[in-house]
């Protein structure tokens, strides 16, 4: 292969390699950003669920307190002659 043909092939291949490299870099950066956004969304969801869990635990405590009071009242009513 002579030098002119090699130079001609390099003129075609080099820009293509640069283009492919740029496309891959943009794709990788986009994927990284997408994964970051997804991770942040999962973190926000986990925080909301933790807050809901705290609220639900407090509600269960209140319901148990109320249940104990109602059981005591029922026991008093049943114990009356």
PDB file of N, CA and C in Angstrom:
ATOM      1  N   UNK A   1       0.859  -1.160   0.000  1.00  0.00           N
ATOM      2  CA  UNK A   1       0.000   0.000   0.000  1.00  0.00           C
ATOM      3  C   UNK A   1       0.908   1.226   0.000  1.00  0.00           C
ATOM      4  N   UNK A   2       0.598   2.128  -0.878  1.00  0.00           N
ATOM      5  CA  UNK A   2       1.452   3.310  -0.943  1.00  0.00           C
ATOM      6  C   UNK A   2       1.012   4.351   0.074  1.00  0.00           C
ATOM      7  N   UNK A   3       1.822   5.327   0.270  1.00  0.00           N
ATOM      8  CA  UNK A   3       1.618   6.348   1.291  1.00  0.00           C
ATOM      9  C   UNK A   3       0.385   7.208   1.011  1.00  0.00           C
ATOM     10  N   UNK A   4       0.075   7.483  -0.235  1.00  0.00           N
ATOM     11  CA  UNK A   4      -1.082   8.314  -0.586  1.00  0.00           C
ATOM     12  C   UNK A   4      -2.385   7.627  -0.200  1.00  0.00           C
ATOM     13  N   UNK A   5      -2.472   6.333  -0.455  1.00  0.00           N
ATOM     14  CA  UNK A   5      -3.691   5.594  -0.088  1.00  0.00           C
ATOM     15  C   UNK A   5      -3.831   5.518   1.439  1.00  0.00           C
ATOM     16  N   UNK A   6      -2.738   5.330   2.105  1.00  0.00           N
ATOM     17  CA  UNK A   6      -2.760   5.289   3.565  1.00  0.00           C
ATOM     18  C   UNK A   6      -3.214   6.623   4.135  1.00  0.00           C
ATOM     19  N   UNK A   7      -2.702   7.700   3.556  1.00  0.00           N
ATOM     20  CA  UNK A   7      -3.093   9.036   4.000  1.00  0.00           C
ATOM     21  C   UNK A   7      -4.579   9.279   3.719  1.00  0.00           C
ATOM     22  N   UNK A   8      -5.065   8.857   2.576  1.00  0.00           N
ATOM     23  CA  UNK A   8      -6.487   8.997   2.219  1.00  0.00           C
ATOM     24  C   UNK A   8      -7.375   8.215   3.169  1.00  0.00           C
ATOM     25  N   UNK A   9      -6.960   7.014   3.507  1.00  0.00           N
ATOM     26  CA  UNK A   9      -7.737   6.199   4.450  1.00  0.00           C
ATOM     27  C   UNK A   9      -7.730   6.839   5.831  1.00  0.00           C
ATOM     28  N   UNK A  10      -6.607   7.400   6.226  1.00  0.00           N
ATOM     29  CA  UNK A  10      -6.513   8.052   7.532  1.00  0.00           C
ATOM     30  C   UNK A  10      -7.407   9.287   7.592  1.00  0.00           C
ATOM     31  N   UNK A  11      -7.548   9.984   6.468  1.00  0.00           N
ATOM     32  CA  UNK A  11      -8.436  11.156   6.435  1.00  0.00           C
ATOM     33  C   UNK A  11      -9.889  10.765   6.654  1.00  0.00           C
ATOM     34  N   UNK A  12     -10.246   9.581   6.255  1.00  0.00           N
ATOM     35  CA  UNK A  12     -11.626   9.108   6.428  1.00  0.00           C
ATOM     36  C   UNK A  12     -11.812   8.488   7.808  1.00  0.00           C
ATOM     37  N   UNK A  13     -10.870   7.684   8.217  1.00  0.00           N
ATOM     38  CA  UNK A  13     -11.004   6.940   9.470  1.00  0.00           C
ATOM     39  C   UNK A  13     -10.857   7.840  10.689  1.00  0.00           C
ATOM     40  N   UNK A  14      -9.951   8.769  10.677  1.00  0.00           N
ATOM     41  CA  UNK A  14      -9.704   9.620  11.856  1.00  0.00           C
ATOM     42  C   UNK A  14     -10.945  10.415  12.256  1.00  0.00           C
ATOM     43  N   UNK A  15     -11.614  11.134  11.336  1.00  0.00           N
ATOM     44  CA  UNK A  15     -12.827  11.843  11.752  1.00  0.00           C
ATOM     45  C   UNK A  15     -13.928  10.907  12.236  1.00  0.00           C
ATOM     46  N   UNK A  16     -14.025   9.728  11.603  1.00  0.00           N
ATOM     47  CA  UNK A  16     -15.023   8.767  12.068  1.00  0.00           C
ATOM     48  C   UNK A  16     -14.737   8.309  13.489  1.00  0.00           C
ATOM     49  N   UNK A  17     -13.484   8.049  13.798  1.00  0.00           N
ATOM     50  CA  UNK A  17     -13.122   7.635  15.158  1.00  0.00           C
ATOM     51  C   UNK A  17     -13.402   8.742  16.168  1.00  0.00           C
ATOM     52  N   UNK A  18     -13.100   9.979  15.770  1.00  0.00           N
ATOM     53  CA  UNK A  18     -13.385  11.109  16.656  1.00  0.00           C
ATOM     54  C   UNK A  18     -14.886  11.226  16.876  1.00  0.00           C
ATOM     55  N   UNK A  19     -15.663  11.098  15.797  1.00  0.00           N
ATOM     56  CA  UNK A  19     -17.121  11.179  15.909  1.00  0.00           C
ATOM     57  C   UNK A  19     -17.665  10.076  16.816  1.00  0.00           C
ATOM     58  N   UNK A  20     -17.215   8.842  16.585  1.00  0.00           N
ATOM     59  CA  UNK A  20     -17.668   7.717  17.419  1.00  0.00           C
ATOM     60  C   UNK A  20     -17.267   7.940  18.874  1.00  0.00           C
ATOM     61  N   UNK A  21     -16.063   8.435  19.088  1.00  0.00           N
ATOM     62  CA  UNK A  21     -15.614   8.715  20.456  1.00  0.00           C
ATOM     63  C   UNK A  21     -16.477   9.765  21.125  1.00  0.00           C
ATOM     64  N   UNK A  22     -16.823  10.809  20.394  1.00  0.00           N
ATOM     65  CA  UNK A  22     -17.670  11.866  20.967  1.00  0.00           C
ATOM     66  C   UNK A  22     -19.072  11.343  21.269  1.00  0.00           C
ATOM     67  N   UNK A  23     -19.613  10.537  20.359  1.00  0.00           N
ATOM     68  CA  UNK A  23     -20.945   9.965  20.576  1.00  0.00           C
ATOM     69  C   UNK A  23     -20.929   9.056  21.803  1.00  0.00           C
ATOM     70  N   UNK A  24     -19.930   8.215  21.923  1.00  0.00           N
ATOM     71  CA  UNK A  24     -19.838   7.328  23.088  1.00  0.00           C
ATOM     72  C   UNK A  24     -19.681   8.113  24.381  1.00  0.00           C
ATOM     73  N   UNK A  25     -18.902   9.164  24.336  1.00  0.00           N
ATOM     74  CA  UNK A  25     -18.717   9.991  25.530  1.00  0.00           C
ATOM     75  C   UNK A  25     -20.035  10.653  25.939  1.00  0.00           C
ATOM     76  N   UNK A  26     -20.756  11.203  24.957  1.00  0.00           N
ATOM     77  CA  UNK A  26     -22.046  11.838  25.271  1.00  0.00           C
ATOM     78  C   UNK A  26     -23.035  10.808  25.795  1.00  0.00           C
ATOM     79  N   UNK A  27     -23.027   9.603  25.216  1.00  0.00           N
ATOM     80  CA  UNK A  27     -23.939   8.556  25.662  1.00  0.00           C
ATOM     81  C   UNK A  27     -23.607   8.144  27.099  1.00  0.00           C
ATOM     82  N   UNK A  28     -22.314   7.985  27.379  1.00  0.00           N
ATOM     83  CA  UNK A  28     -21.887   7.599  28.721  1.00  0.00           C
ATOM     84  C   UNK A  28     -22.245   8.689  29.726  1.00  0.00           C
ATOM     85  N   UNK A  29     -22.028   9.932  29.355  1.00  0.00           N
ATOM     86  CA  UNK A  29     -22.374  11.043  30.238  1.00  0.00           C
ATOM     87  C   UNK A  29     -23.874  11.089  30.472  1.00  0.00           C
ATOM     88  N   UNK A  30     -24.638  10.864  29.413  1.00  0.00           N
ATOM     89  CA  UNK A  30     -26.097  10.827  29.548  1.00  0.00           C
ATOM     90  C   UNK A  30     -26.550   9.699  30.444  1.00  0.00           C
ATOM     91  N   UNK A  31     -25.926   8.529  30.303  1.00  0.00           N
ATOM     92  CA  UNK A  31     -26.280   7.394  31.151  1.00  0.00           C
ATOM     93  C   UNK A  31     -25.928   7.680  32.605  1.00  0.00           C
ATOM     94  N   UNK A  32     -24.784   8.292  32.812  1.00  0.00           N
ATOM     95  CA  UNK A  32     -24.370   8.637  34.165  1.00  0.00           C
ATOM     96  C   UNK A  32     -25.385   9.593  34.795  1.00  0.00           C
ATOM     97  N   UNK A  33     -25.809  10.587  34.021  1.00  0.00           N
ATOM     98  CA  UNK A  33     -26.794  11.550  34.510  1.00  0.00           C
ATOM     99  C   UNK A  33     -28.130  10.862  34.786  1.00  0.00           C
ATOM    100  N   UNK A  34     -28.534   9.965  33.906  1.00  0.00           N
ATOM    101  CA  UNK A  34     -29.793   9.246  34.100  1.00  0.00           C
ATOM    102  C   UNK A  34     -29.738   8.389  35.362  1.00  0.00           C
ATOM    103  N   UNK A  35     -28.618   7.689  35.580  1.00  0.00           N
ATOM    104  CA  UNK A  35     -28.487   6.868  36.781  1.00  0.00           C
ATOM    105  C   UNK A  35     -28.463   7.734  38.039  1.00  0.00           C
ATOM    106  N   UNK A  36     -27.820   8.888  37.944  1.00  0.00           N
ATOM    107  CA  UNK A  36     -27.780   9.802  39.082  1.00  0.00           C
ATOM    108  C   UNK A  36     -29.193  10.278  39.429  1.00  0.00           C
ATOM    109  N   UNK A  37     -29.958  10.669  38.399  1.00  0.00           N
ATOM    110  CA  UNK A  37     -31.328  11.116  38.624  1.00  0.00           C
ATOM    111  C   UNK A  37     -32.177   9.993  39.213  1.00  0.00           C
ATOM    112  N   UNK A  38     -31.983   8.782  38.708  1.00  0.00           N
ATOM    113  CA  UNK A  38     -32.721   7.639  39.228  1.00  0.00           C
ATOM    114  C   UNK A  38     -32.373   7.377  40.700  1.00  0.00           C
ATOM    115  N   UNK A  39     -31.103   7.469  41.031  1.00  0.00           N
ATOM    116  CA  UNK A  39     -30.678   7.264  42.421  1.00  0.00           C
ATOM    117  C   UNK A  39     -31.255   8.347  43.330  1.00  0.00           C
ATOM    118  N   UNK A  40     -31.272   9.580  42.856  1.00  0.00           N
ATOM    119  CA  UNK A  40     -31.849  10.663  43.655  1.00  0.00           C
ATOM    120  C   UNK A  40     -33.342  10.460  43.849  1.00  0.00           C
ATOM    121  N   UNK A  41     -34.026   9.979  42.817  1.00  0.00           N
ATOM    122  CA  UNK A  41     -35.465   9.706  42.936  1.00  0.00           C
ATOM    123  C   UNK A  41     -35.717   8.609  43.965  1.00  0.00           C
ATOM    124  N   UNK A  42     -34.895   7.558  43.936  1.00  0.00           N
ATOM    125  CA  UNK A  42     -35.036   6.482  44.922  1.00  0.00           C
ATOM    126  C   UNK A  42     -34.760   6.994  46.335  1.00  0.00           C
ATOM    127  N   UNK A  43     -33.793   7.884  46.471  1.00  0.00           N
ATOM    128  CA  UNK A  43     -33.474   8.440  47.788  1.00  0.00           C
ATOM    129  C   UNK A  43     -34.647   9.270  48.307  1.00  0.00           C
ATOM    130  N   UNK A  44     -35.240  10.084  47.431  1.00  0.00           N
ATOM    131  CA  UNK A  44     -36.408  10.879  47.847  1.00  0.00           C
ATOM    132  C   UNK A  44     -37.567   9.972  48.243  1.00  0.00           C
ATOM    133  N   UNK A  45     -37.771   8.910  47.485  1.00  0.00           N
ATOM    134  CA  UNK A  45     -38.846   7.960  47.793  1.00  0.00           C
ATOM    135  C   UNK A  45     -38.600   7.304  49.147  1.00  0.00           C
ATOM    136  N   UNK A  46     -37.360   6.917  49.412  1.00  0.00           N
ATOM    137  CA  UNK A  46     -37.021   6.288  50.691  1.00  0.00           C
ATOM    138  C   UNK A  46     -37.249   7.257  51.848  1.00  0.00           C
ATOM    139  N   UNK A  47     -36.926   8.529  51.657  1.00  0.00           N
ATOM    140  CA  UNK A  47     -37.159   9.531  52.706  1.00  0.00           C
ATOM    141  C   UNK A  47     -38.653   9.698  52.971  1.00  0.00           C
ATOM    142  N   UNK A  48     -39.455   9.757  51.902  1.00  0.00           N
ATOM    143  CA  UNK A  48     -40.909   9.876  52.080  1.00  0.00           C
ATOM    144  C   UNK A  48     -41.466   8.668  52.816  1.00  0.00           C
ATOM    145  N   UNK A  49     -40.993   7.482  52.443  1.00  0.00           N
ATOM    146  CA  UNK A  49     -41.477   6.272  53.095  1.00  0.00           C
ATOM    147  C   UNK A  49     -41.065   6.230  54.566  1.00  0.00           C
ATOM    148  N   UNK A  50     -39.887   6.724  54.876  1.00  0.00           N
ATOM    149  CA  UNK A  50     -39.449   6.769  56.274  1.00  0.00           C
ATOM    150  C   UNK A  50     -40.346   7.709  57.071  1.00  0.00           C
ATOM    151  N   UNK A  51     -40.680   8.850  56.484  1.00  0.00           N
ATOM    152  CA  UNK A  51     -41.579   9.793  57.158  1.00  0.00           C
ATOM    153  C   UNK A  51     -42.962   9.174  57.357  1.00  0.00           C
ATOM    154  N   UNK A  52     -43.465   8.485  56.329  1.00  0.00           N
ATOM    155  CA  UNK A  52     -44.762   7.824  56.446  1.00  0.00           C
ATOM    156  C   UNK A  52     -44.732   6.746  57.519  1.00  0.00           C
ATOM    157  N   UNK A  53     -43.625   6.040  57.618  1.00  0.00           N
ATOM    158  CA  UNK A  53     -43.496   4.990  58.621  1.00  0.00           C
ATOM    159  C   UNK A  53     -43.555   5.571  60.031  1.00  0.00           C
ATOM    160  N   UNK A  54     -42.916   6.699  60.239  1.00  0.00           N
ATOM    161  CA  UNK A  54     -42.965   7.356  61.545  1.00  0.00           C
ATOM    162  C   UNK A  54     -44.403   7.751  61.867  1.00  0.00           C
ATOM    163  N   UNK A  55     -45.100   8.315  60.876  1.00  0.00           N
ATOM    164  CA  UNK A  55     -46.490   8.707  61.091  1.00  0.00           C
ATOM    165  C   UNK A  55     -47.368   7.496  61.388  1.00  0.00           C
ATOM    166  N   UNK A  56     -47.155   6.408  60.655  1.00  0.00           N
ATOM    167  CA  UNK A  56     -47.956   5.201  60.881  1.00  0.00           C
ATOM    168  C   UNK A  56     -47.694   4.600  62.258  1.00  0.00           C
ATOM    169  N   UNK A  57     -46.439   4.615  62.689  1.00  0.00           N
ATOM    170  CA  UNK A  57     -46.131   4.093  64.029  1.00  0.00           C
ATOM    171  C   UNK A  57     -46.843   4.900  65.103  1.00  0.00           C
ATOM    172  N   UNK A  58     -46.850   6.207  64.956  1.00  0.00           N
ATOM    173  CA  UNK A  58     -47.541   7.059  65.935  1.00  0.00           C
ATOM    174  C   UNK A  58     -49.047   6.781  65.911  1.00  0.00           C
ATOM    175  N   UNK A  59     -49.595   6.597  64.724  1.00  0.00           N
ATOM    176  CA  UNK A  59     -51.024   6.295  64.614  1.00  0.00           C
ATOM    177  C   UNK A  59     -51.348   4.956  65.263  1.00  0.00           C
ATOM    178  N   UNK A  60     -50.483   3.967  65.093  1.00  0.00           N
ATOM    179  CA  UNK A  60     -50.699   2.656  65.723  1.00  0.00           C
ATOM    180  C   UNK A  60     -50.642   2.796  67.242  1.00  0.00           C
ATOM    181  N   UNK A  61     -49.685   3.589  67.740  1.00  0.00           N
ATOM    182  CA  UNK A  61     -49.615   3.807  69.195  1.00  0.00           C
ATOM    183  C   UNK A  61     -50.904   4.427  69.727  1.00  0.00           C
ATOM    184  N   UNK A  62     -51.404   5.440  68.997  1.00  0.00           N
ATOM    185  CA  UNK A  62     -52.647   6.087  69.420  1.00  0.00           C
ATOM    186  C   UNK A  62     -53.815   5.109  69.386  1.00  0.00           C
ATOM    187  N   UNK A  63     -53.887   4.291  68.348  1.00  0.00           N
ATOM    188  CA  UNK A  63     -54.967   3.306  68.252  1.00  0.00           C
ATOM    189  C   UNK A  63     -54.864   2.267  69.368  1.00  0.00           C
ATOM    190  N   UNK A  64     -53.661   1.855  69.713  1.00  0.00           N
ATOM    191  CA  UNK A  64     -53.503   0.900  70.814  1.00  0.00           C
ATOM    192  C   UNK A  64     -53.926   1.511  72.147  1.00  0.00           C
ATOM    193  N   UNK A  65     -53.565   2.796  72.340  1.00  0.00           N
ATOM    194  CA  UNK A  65     -53.993   3.484  73.568  1.00  0.00           C
ATOM    195  C   UNK A  65     -55.516   3.551  73.636  1.00  0.00           C
ATOM    196  N   UNK A  66     -56.120   3.945  72.526  1.00  0.00           N
ATOM    197  CA  UNK A  66     -57.578   4.042  72.471  1.00  0.00           C
ATOM    198  C   UNK A  66     -58.224   2.672  72.670  1.00  0.00           C
ATOM    199  N   UNK A  67     -57.646   1.643  72.083  1.00  0.00           N
ATOM    200  CA  UNK A  67     -58.160   0.288  72.228  1.00  0.00           C
ATOM    201  C   UNK A  67     -58.103  -0.154  73.689  1.00  0.00           C
ATOM    202  N   UNK A  68     -56.999   0.155  74.358  1.00  0.00           N
ATOM    203  CA  UNK A  68     -56.882  -0.219  75.771  1.00  0.00           C
ATOM    204  C   UNK A  68     -57.939   0.502  76.598  1.00  0.00           C
ATOM    205  N   UNK A  69     -58.183   1.779  76.326  1.00  0.00           N
ATOM    206  CA  UNK A  69     -59.212   2.534  77.049  1.00  0.00           C
ATOM    207  C   UNK A  69     -60.595   1.936  76.800  1.00  0.00           C
ATOM    208  N   UNK A  70     -60.870   1.593  75.540  1.00  0.00           N
ATOM    209  CA  UNK A  70     -62.183   1.015  75.223  1.00  0.00           C
ATOM    210  C   UNK A  70     -62.359  -0.360  75.864  1.00  0.00           C
ATOM    211  N   UNK A  71     -61.293  -1.148  75.895  1.00  0.00           N
ATOM    212  CA  UNK A  71     -61.369  -2.455  76.557  1.00  0.00           C
ATOM    213  C   UNK A  71     -61.651  -2.293  78.056  1.00  0.00           C
ATOM    214  N   UNK A  72     -61.008  -1.286  78.659  1.00  0.00           N
ATOM    215  CA  UNK A  72     -61.243  -1.031  80.083  1.00  0.00           C
ATOM    216  C   UNK A  72     -62.684  -0.608  80.310  1.00  0.00           C
ATOM    217  N   UNK A  73     -63.221   0.215  79.439  1.00  0.00           N
ATOM    218  CA  UNK A  73     -64.618   0.650  79.567  1.00  0.00           C
ATOM    219  C   UNK A  73     -65.566  -0.532  79.390  1.00  0.00           C
ATOM    220  N   UNK A  74     -65.304  -1.401  78.425  1.00  0.00           N
ATOM    221  CA  UNK A  74     -66.149  -2.583  78.204  1.00  0.00           C
ATOM    222  C   UNK A  74     -66.074  -3.504  79.417  1.00  0.00           C
ATOM    223  N   UNK A  75     -64.868  -3.658  79.965  1.00  0.00           N
ATOM    224  CA  UNK A  75     -64.724  -4.504  81.147  1.00  0.00           C
ATOM    225  C   UNK A  75     -65.516  -3.943  82.311  1.00  0.00           C
ATOM    226  N   UNK A  76     -65.511  -2.623  82.498  1.00  0.00           N
ATOM    227  CA  UNK A  76     -66.285  -1.981  83.569  1.00  0.00           C
ATOM    228  C   UNK A  76     -67.785  -2.193  83.357  1.00  0.00           C
ATOM    229  N   UNK A  77     -68.216  -2.041  82.107  1.00  0.00           N
ATOM    230  CA  UNK A  77     -69.644  -2.228  81.830  1.00  0.00           C
ATOM    231  C   UNK A  77     -70.077  -3.665  82.049  1.00  0.00           C
ATOM    232  N   UNK A  78     -69.242  -4.596  81.697  1.00  0.00           N
ATOM    233  CA  UNK A  78     -69.588  -6.014  81.893  1.00  0.00           C
ATOM    234  C   UNK A  78     -69.504  -6.417  83.366  1.00  0.00           C
ATOM    235  N   UNK A  79     -68.709  -5.716  84.145  1.00  0.00           N
ATOM    236  CA  UNK A  79     -68.557  -6.057  85.564  1.00  0.00           C
ATOM    237  C   UNK A  79     -69.685  -5.506  86.402  1.00  0.00           C
ATOM    238  N   UNK A  80     -70.490  -4.597  85.888  1.00  0.00           N
ATOM    239  CA  UNK A  80     -71.620  -4.051  86.653  1.00  0.00           C
ATOM    240  C   UNK A  80     -72.684  -5.105  86.848  1.00  0.00           C
ATOM    241  N   UNK A  81     -73.276  -5.087  88.043  1.00  0.00           N
ATOM    242  CA  UNK A  81     -74.344  -6.085  88.306  1.00  0.00           C
ATOM    243  C   UNK A  81     -75.669  -5.721  87.651  1.00  0.00           C
TER     244      UNK A  81
END
